[in-house]
Amino acid sequence: MGKTCPKDVDENRLNQSLATRGLRSTRQRHHVYEALLSKRDHPTAEEIFLRAKEKMPNISFATVYNCLDTLERCDLVRQVHLDRSPTRYCPNMAEHCHFCCESCDRVLDINLPARHRMADIPMDFQVSHCEVSFRGLCPSCARRRKRSKTAQD
């Protein structure tokens, strides 16, 4: 019996999520989902469009955008909103926060479950979504800045 590879698992997850919501599995949806999963780097819709276009040259930006909307409704992707930045997309559906590097603009997942930050919310509030992001320097940019500062001294 052969091993199941991660791509098969992701494809099965996509097909099951679409079927559960009564939606068809299409080549376009598969290509967009694959483009999103290919790097796990919180790409914008435009970046996903460019990746999808490599394997499906005739795909339109509108189709990519519609596919992203469908993937979001199927709980396969979430939008990430960062101050004054285009919307990004994250396929990590586990509870987590985001860190945006102010130097290189990379967006990274940070494991800090939302339920731990919600202890002070009054009981009568019904929270459906919590989005927390941190800004600063990623480890690479912080090291680079430190080296640069040391060289200047």
C-alpha atoms as a PDB file:
ATOM      1  CA  MET A   1       0.000   0.000   0.000  1.00  0.00           C
ATOM      2  CA  GLY A   2       1.462   3.405  -1.004  1.00  0.00           C
ATOM      3  CA  LYS A   3       2.016   6.365   1.248  1.00  0.00           C
ATOM      4  CA  THR A   4      -0.267   9.387   1.028  1.00  0.00           C
ATOM      5  CA  CYS A   5       1.738  12.473   0.105  1.00  0.00           C
ATOM      6  CA  PRO A   6       0.922  15.941   1.511  1.00  0.00           C
ATOM      7  CA  LYS A   7      -0.365  17.098  -1.891  1.00  0.00           C
ATOM      8  CA  ASP A   8      -2.911  14.238  -1.899  1.00  0.00           C
ATOM      9  CA  VAL A   9      -3.990  15.156   1.629  1.00  0.00           C
ATOM     10  CA  ASP A  10      -4.464  18.814   0.628  1.00  0.00           C
ATOM     11  CA  GLU A  11      -6.361  17.770  -2.504  1.00  0.00           C
ATOM     12  CA  ASN A  12      -8.595  15.461  -0.470  1.00  0.00           C
ATOM     13  CA  ARG A  13      -9.227  18.271   2.013  1.00  0.00           C
ATOM     14  CA  LEU A  14     -10.153  20.624  -0.831  1.00  0.00           C
ATOM     15  CA  ASN A  15     -12.489  18.104  -2.467  1.00  0.00           C
ATOM     16  CA  GLN A  16     -14.191  17.237   0.829  1.00  0.00           C
ATOM     17  CA  SER A  17     -14.670  20.892   1.804  1.00  0.00           C
ATOM     18  CA  LEU A  18     -16.157  21.754  -1.582  1.00  0.00           C
ATOM     19  CA  ALA A  19     -18.452  18.708  -1.568  1.00  0.00           C
ATOM     20  CA  THR A  20     -19.653  19.457   1.969  1.00  0.00           C
ATOM     21  CA  ARG A  21     -20.870  22.848   0.758  1.00  0.00           C
ATOM     22  CA  GLY A  22     -22.400  21.448  -2.421  1.00  0.00           C
ATOM     23  CA  LEU A  23     -19.719  23.005  -4.645  1.00  0.00           C
ATOM     24  CA  ARG A  24     -17.997  21.475  -7.630  1.00  0.00           C
ATOM     25  CA  SER A  25     -14.318  20.696  -7.761  1.00  0.00           C
ATOM     26  CA  THR A  26     -12.797  22.626 -10.670  1.00  0.00           C
ATOM     27  CA  ARG A  27      -9.312  22.790 -12.184  1.00  0.00           C
ATOM     28  CA  GLN A  28      -9.210  26.508 -11.408  1.00  0.00           C
ATOM     29  CA  ARG A  29      -9.969  25.960  -7.712  1.00  0.00           C
ATOM     30  CA  HIS A  30      -7.292  23.260  -7.552  1.00  0.00           C
ATOM     31  CA  HIS A  31      -4.694  25.481  -9.235  1.00  0.00           C
ATOM     32  CA  VAL A  32      -5.441  28.443  -6.970  1.00  0.00           C
ATOM     33  CA  TYR A  33      -5.319  26.273  -3.843  1.00  0.00           C
ATOM     34  CA  GLU A  34      -2.080  24.670  -5.017  1.00  0.00           C
ATOM     35  CA  ALA A  35      -0.590  28.116  -5.734  1.00  0.00           C
ATOM     36  CA  LEU A  36      -1.507  29.225  -2.231  1.00  0.00           C
ATOM     37  CA  LEU A  37       0.007  26.137  -0.613  1.00  0.00           C
ATOM     38  CA  SER A  38       3.157  26.145  -2.758  1.00  0.00           C
ATOM     39  CA  LYS A  39       5.070  28.562  -0.504  1.00  0.00           C
ATOM     40  CA  ARG A  40       2.958  29.215   2.623  1.00  0.00           C
ATOM     41  CA  ASP A  41       4.101  32.829   2.579  1.00  0.00           C
ATOM     42  CA  HIS A  42       0.823  34.752   2.989  1.00  0.00           C
ATOM     43  CA  PRO A  43       0.617  35.952  -0.624  1.00  0.00           C
ATOM     44  CA  THR A  44      -1.691  38.655  -1.965  1.00  0.00           C
ATOM     45  CA  ALA A  45      -4.367  37.804  -4.538  1.00  0.00           C
ATOM     46  CA  GLU A  46      -2.096  39.208  -7.239  1.00  0.00           C
ATOM     47  CA  GLU A  47       0.801  36.966  -6.172  1.00  0.00           C
ATOM     48  CA  ILE A  48      -1.502  33.938  -6.175  1.00  0.00           C
ATOM     49  CA  PHE A  49      -2.748  34.958  -9.633  1.00  0.00           C
ATOM     50  CA  LEU A  50       0.837  35.070 -10.966  1.00  0.00           C
ATOM     51  CA  ARG A  51       1.605  31.638  -9.481  1.00  0.00           C
ATOM     52  CA  ALA A  52      -1.597  30.092 -10.816  1.00  0.00           C
ATOM     53  CA  LYS A  53      -0.945  31.607 -14.258  1.00  0.00           C
ATOM     54  CA  GLU A  54       2.318  29.644 -14.527  1.00  0.00           C
ATOM     55  CA  LYS A  55       0.411  26.338 -14.720  1.00  0.00           C
ATOM     56  CA  MET A  56      -2.829  27.697 -16.172  1.00  0.00           C
ATOM     57  CA  PRO A  57      -1.937  30.609 -18.516  1.00  0.00           C
ATOM     58  CA  ASN A  58      -5.557  31.397 -19.402  1.00  0.00           C
ATOM     59  CA  ILE A  59      -6.768  31.894 -15.830  1.00  0.00           C
ATOM     60  CA  SER A  60      -8.062  35.406 -15.149  1.00  0.00           C
ATOM     61  CA  PHE A  61      -7.567  37.540 -12.064  1.00  0.00           C
ATOM     62  CA  ALA A  62     -11.357  37.537 -11.534  1.00  0.00           C
ATOM     63  CA  THR A  63     -11.351  33.723 -11.503  1.00  0.00           C
ATOM     64  CA  VAL A  64      -8.514  33.662  -8.964  1.00  0.00           C
ATOM     65  CA  TYR A  65     -10.346  36.158  -6.791  1.00  0.00           C
ATOM     66  CA  ASN A  66     -13.584  34.099  -7.007  1.00  0.00           C
ATOM     67  CA  CYS A  67     -11.669  30.919  -6.174  1.00  0.00           C
ATOM     68  CA  LEU A  68     -10.116  32.594  -3.122  1.00  0.00           C
ATOM     69  CA  ASP A  69     -13.584  33.651  -2.005  1.00  0.00           C
ATOM     70  CA  THR A  70     -14.802  30.052  -2.368  1.00  0.00           C
ATOM     71  CA  LEU A  71     -11.774  28.683  -0.503  1.00  0.00           C
ATOM     72  CA  GLU A  72     -12.452  31.138   2.300  1.00  0.00           C
ATOM     73  CA  ARG A  73     -16.133  30.105   2.502  1.00  0.00           C
ATOM     74  CA  CYS A  74     -14.960  26.481   2.667  1.00  0.00           C
ATOM     75  CA  ASP A  75     -12.678  27.283   5.631  1.00  0.00           C
ATOM     76  CA  LEU A  76      -9.546  26.378   3.684  1.00  0.00           C
ATOM     77  CA  VAL A  77      -8.014  29.836   3.726  1.00  0.00           C
ATOM     78  CA  ARG A  78      -8.378  32.996   5.741  1.00  0.00           C
ATOM     79  CA  GLN A  79      -7.791  36.591   4.874  1.00  0.00           C
ATOM     80  CA  VAL A  80      -5.030  38.423   6.715  1.00  0.00           C
ATOM     81  CA  HIS A  81      -5.486  42.149   7.072  1.00  0.00           C
ATOM     82  CA  LEU A  82      -2.443  44.198   7.945  1.00  0.00           C
ATOM     83  CA  ASP A  83      -2.441  47.975   8.303  1.00  0.00           C
ATOM     84  CA  ARG A  84      -2.195  49.759   4.959  1.00  0.00           C
ATOM     85  CA  SER A  85      -1.337  46.576   3.078  1.00  0.00           C
ATOM     86  CA  PRO A  86      -3.226  44.546   0.493  1.00  0.00           C
ATOM     87  CA  THR A  87      -5.177  41.593   1.858  1.00  0.00           C
ATOM     88  CA  ARG A  88      -3.079  38.465   2.135  1.00  0.00           C
ATOM     89  CA  TYR A  89      -4.208  34.857   2.292  1.00  0.00           C
ATOM     90  CA  CYS A  90      -3.233  32.222   4.835  1.00  0.00           C
ATOM     91  CA  PRO A  91      -3.955  28.489   4.455  1.00  0.00           C
ATOM     92  CA  ASN A  92      -3.098  27.785   8.111  1.00  0.00           C
ATOM     93  CA  MET A  93      -6.510  27.339   9.701  1.00  0.00           C
ATOM     94  CA  ALA A  94      -5.157  26.535  13.161  1.00  0.00           C
ATOM     95  CA  GLU A  95      -5.438  29.252  15.804  1.00  0.00           C
ATOM     96  CA  HIS A  96      -2.486  31.590  15.407  1.00  0.00           C
ATOM     97  CA  CYS A  97      -1.379  35.213  15.052  1.00  0.00           C
ATOM     98  CA  HIS A  98       0.706  36.926  12.408  1.00  0.00           C
ATOM     99  CA  PHE A  99       3.981  38.812  12.558  1.00  0.00           C
ATOM    100  CA  CYS A 100       4.792  41.336   9.827  1.00  0.00           C
ATOM    101  CA  CYS A 101       8.422  42.344   9.391  1.00  0.00           C
ATOM    102  CA  GLU A 102       8.713  46.091   8.921  1.00  0.00           C
ATOM    103  CA  SER A 103      11.922  45.655   6.951  1.00  0.00           C
ATOM    104  CA  CYS A 104      11.351  42.793   4.484  1.00  0.00           C
ATOM    105  CA  ASP A 105       7.501  42.729   4.589  1.00  0.00           C
ATOM    106  CA  ARG A 106       7.404  38.963   5.219  1.00  0.00           C
ATOM    107  CA  VAL A 107       4.379  37.730   7.133  1.00  0.00           C
ATOM    108  CA  LEU A 108       4.982  34.822   9.490  1.00  0.00           C
ATOM    109  CA  ASP A 109       2.688  32.633  11.569  1.00  0.00           C
ATOM    110  CA  ILE A 110       3.081  32.911  15.336  1.00  0.00           C
ATOM    111  CA  ASN A 111       1.584  30.203  17.541  1.00  0.00           C
ATOM    112  CA  LEU A 112      -0.305  32.218  20.130  1.00  0.00           C
ATOM    113  CA  PRO A 113      -3.849  30.862  20.416  1.00  0.00           C
ATOM    114  CA  ALA A 114      -6.551  33.529  20.503  1.00  0.00           C
ATOM    115  CA  ARG A 115      -8.427  31.923  23.392  1.00  0.00           C
ATOM    116  CA  HIS A 116      -5.519  32.816  25.696  1.00  0.00           C
ATOM    117  CA  ARG A 117      -5.890  36.514  24.859  1.00  0.00           C
ATOM    118  CA  MET A 118      -9.664  36.602  25.248  1.00  0.00           C
ATOM    119  CA  ALA A 119      -9.847  36.046  29.007  1.00  0.00           C
ATOM    120  CA  ASP A 120     -10.832  39.685  29.702  1.00  0.00           C
ATOM    121  CA  ILE A 121     -13.734  39.855  27.230  1.00  0.00           C
ATOM    122  CA  PRO A 122     -17.062  40.016  29.107  1.00  0.00           C
ATOM    123  CA  MET A 123     -19.033  36.770  29.010  1.00  0.00           C
ATOM    124  CA  ASP A 124     -22.028  38.320  27.196  1.00  0.00           C
ATOM    125  CA  PHE A 125     -19.951  39.102  24.081  1.00  0.00           C
ATOM    126  CA  GLN A 126     -20.089  36.446  21.369  1.00  0.00           C
ATOM    127  CA  VAL A 127     -16.751  36.609  19.577  1.00  0.00           C
ATOM    128  CA  SER A 128     -16.778  35.004  16.132  1.00  0.00           C
ATOM    129  CA  HIS A 129     -13.333  36.060  14.968  1.00  0.00           C
ATOM    130  CA  CYS A 130     -10.159  37.438  16.481  1.00  0.00           C
ATOM    131  CA  GLU A 131      -7.272  38.737  14.423  1.00  0.00           C
ATOM    132  CA  VAL A 132      -4.014  39.716  16.114  1.00  0.00           C
ATOM    133  CA  SER A 133      -0.859  40.792  14.349  1.00  0.00           C
ATOM    134  CA  PHE A 134       2.515  41.921  15.567  1.00  0.00           C
ATOM    135  CA  ARG A 135       4.932  44.216  13.772  1.00  0.00           C
ATOM    136  CA  GLY A 136       8.673  44.532  14.128  1.00  0.00           C
ATOM    137  CA  LEU A 137      11.774  42.891  12.720  1.00  0.00           C
ATOM    138  CA  CYS A 138      12.004  39.221  11.852  1.00  0.00           C
ATOM    139  CA  PRO A 139      15.130  37.427  13.178  1.00  0.00           C
ATOM    140  CA  SER A 140      16.998  37.791   9.832  1.00  0.00           C
ATOM    141  CA  CYS A 141      16.342  41.530   9.549  1.00  0.00           C
ATOM    142  CA  ALA A 142      17.149  42.094  13.231  1.00  0.00           C
ATOM    143  CA  ARG A 143      20.545  40.332  12.792  1.00  0.00           C
ATOM    144  CA  ARG A 144      21.226  42.291   9.605  1.00  0.00           C
ATOM    145  CA  ARG A 145      20.406  45.580  11.330  1.00  0.00           C
ATOM    146  CA  LYS A 146      22.588  44.666  14.322  1.00  0.00           C
ATOM    147  CA  ARG A 147      25.542  43.795  12.045  1.00  0.00           C
ATOM    148  CA  SER A 148      25.075  47.025  10.119  1.00  0.00           C
ATOM    149  CA  LYS A 149      24.925  49.089  13.306  1.00  0.00           C
ATOM    150  CA  THR A 150      28.013  47.323  14.721  1.00  0.00           C
ATOM    151  CA  ALA A 151      29.915  48.000  11.469  1.00  0.00           C
ATOM    152  CA  GLN A 152      29.019  51.706  11.681  1.00  0.00           C
ATOM    153  CA  ASP A 153      30.298  52.039  15.280  1.00  0.00           C
END
